[in-house]
Amino acid sequence: MTMVPILQPGNPAYLALVESVLMANGIPYFVHSRHLGGLLPGVQISHYNVCTVMVPPDARDDAVEVLKEMYFAPQSARPRKKPPFLRVGIEYLFAGWFIPG
């Protein structure tokens, strides 16, 4: 079954809240890297140790709506700010991807 990512919660408490909201509304979900994300709390590398909540494509709109109602907008729904040019240059010079955003 194909799943689409909707949210990357920043901590286990936020993940538990999102899971309970989705479960209460009968929306099927899967948490990618659920346990590995808790074991490796250091540098967060997407698809390796970052927990990602995923839902089936046909349930995506329902999941986003339910999470918006709970005041937790998925990251894809948030407007992204452009990083300042100086910070991008400093991150590129000093370890690039290693400095968290």
Protein backbone atom coordinates (compact mmCIF):
# COMPACT_ATOMS: atom_id res chain seq x y z
CA MET A 1 0.00 0.00 0.00
CA THR A 2 1.32 3.44 -0.91
CA MET A 3 1.54 5.96 1.90
CA VAL A 4 2.12 9.73 1.76
CA PRO A 5 3.90 11.71 4.47
CA ILE A 6 1.87 14.37 6.25
CA LEU A 7 3.86 15.32 9.33
CA GLN A 8 7.23 15.03 11.06
CA PRO A 9 6.57 15.58 14.76
CA GLY A 10 9.46 17.04 16.67
CA ASN A 11 9.18 14.98 19.85
CA PRO A 12 7.55 11.80 21.22
CA ALA A 13 4.79 13.69 23.06
CA TYR A 14 3.70 15.46 19.88
CA LEU A 15 3.81 12.12 18.03
CA ALA A 16 1.60 10.48 20.67
CA LEU A 17 -0.93 13.31 20.41
CA VAL A 18 -1.04 13.12 16.61
CA GLU A 19 -1.44 9.32 16.75
CA SER A 20 -4.31 9.56 19.23
CA VAL A 21 -6.12 12.16 17.10
CA LEU A 22 -5.77 10.05 13.94
CA MET A 23 -6.81 6.87 15.77
CA ALA A 24 -9.84 8.58 17.33
CA ASN A 25 -11.03 9.66 13.89
CA GLY A 26 -10.50 6.23 12.31
CA ILE A 27 -7.77 7.38 9.94
CA PRO A 28 -5.21 4.65 9.15
CA TYR A 29 -1.61 5.75 9.63
CA PHE A 30 1.94 4.46 9.83
CA VAL A 31 4.90 6.01 11.66
CA HIS A 32 8.11 5.62 9.67
CA SER A 33 11.25 5.28 11.91
CA ARG A 34 9.16 5.24 15.09
CA HIS A 35 11.67 3.39 17.25
CA LEU A 36 14.92 4.30 15.52
CA GLY A 37 14.08 7.98 15.90
CA GLY A 38 14.01 7.55 19.67
CA LEU A 39 17.27 5.60 19.75
CA LEU A 40 19.28 8.10 17.74
CA PRO A 41 18.49 11.54 19.17
CA GLY A 42 21.52 13.30 17.63
CA VAL A 43 21.63 14.78 14.16
CA GLN A 44 18.24 14.45 12.48
CA ILE A 45 18.57 12.95 9.00
CA SER A 46 15.33 12.64 7.04
CA HIS A 47 14.25 9.06 6.22
CA TYR A 48 16.81 7.70 8.69
CA ASN A 49 16.06 8.78 12.26
CA VAL A 50 13.27 11.32 11.83
CA CYS A 51 9.78 10.00 12.66
CA THR A 52 7.33 10.65 9.83
CA VAL A 53 3.57 10.12 10.09
CA MET A 54 2.23 8.65 6.85
CA VAL A 55 -1.34 7.99 5.69
CA PRO A 56 -2.90 6.43 2.57
CA PRO A 57 -3.37 8.94 -0.28
CA ASP A 58 -7.16 8.75 -0.09
CA ALA A 59 -7.09 9.65 3.64
CA ARG A 60 -4.63 12.54 3.33
CA ASP A 61 -7.21 15.32 3.12
CA ASP A 62 -9.11 13.97 6.13
CA ALA A 63 -5.92 13.67 8.17
CA VAL A 64 -4.78 17.20 7.34
CA GLU A 65 -8.21 18.59 8.20
CA VAL A 66 -8.34 16.78 11.54
CA LEU A 67 -4.84 17.92 12.46
CA LYS A 68 -5.64 21.52 11.50
CA GLU A 69 -8.69 21.40 13.75
CA MET A 70 -6.41 20.36 16.61
CA TYR A 71 -4.13 23.38 15.94
CA PHE A 72 -1.36 21.20 14.57
CA ALA A 73 -0.88 22.08 10.93
CA PRO A 74 1.29 19.62 8.98
CA GLN A 75 4.61 21.01 7.79
CA SER A 76 3.53 20.91 4.17
CA ALA A 77 0.66 23.29 5.03
CA ARG A 78 2.88 25.81 6.83
CA PRO A 79 4.36 28.68 4.85
CA ARG A 80 8.13 28.30 4.63
CA LYS A 81 10.40 31.26 5.15
CA LYS A 82 13.51 31.63 3.04
CA PRO A 83 16.65 31.34 5.16
CA PRO A 84 18.83 34.44 5.27
CA PHE A 85 21.66 34.46 2.78
CA LEU A 86 24.35 34.87 5.44
CA ARG A 87 23.13 31.84 7.42
CA VAL A 88 23.10 29.66 4.29
CA GLY A 89 26.66 30.68 3.54
CA ILE A 90 27.83 29.97 7.09
CA GLU A 91 26.12 26.57 7.12
CA TYR A 92 27.71 25.71 3.79
CA LEU A 93 31.17 26.63 5.04
CA PHE A 94 30.87 25.00 8.48
CA ALA A 95 29.58 21.44 8.01
CA GLY A 96 26.55 22.23 5.82
CA TRP A 97 23.88 19.65 6.62
CA PHE A 98 25.17 19.03 10.16
CA ILE A 99 23.87 22.32 11.59
CA PRO A 100 20.13 21.93 12.44
CA GLY A 101 17.73 24.50 11.01
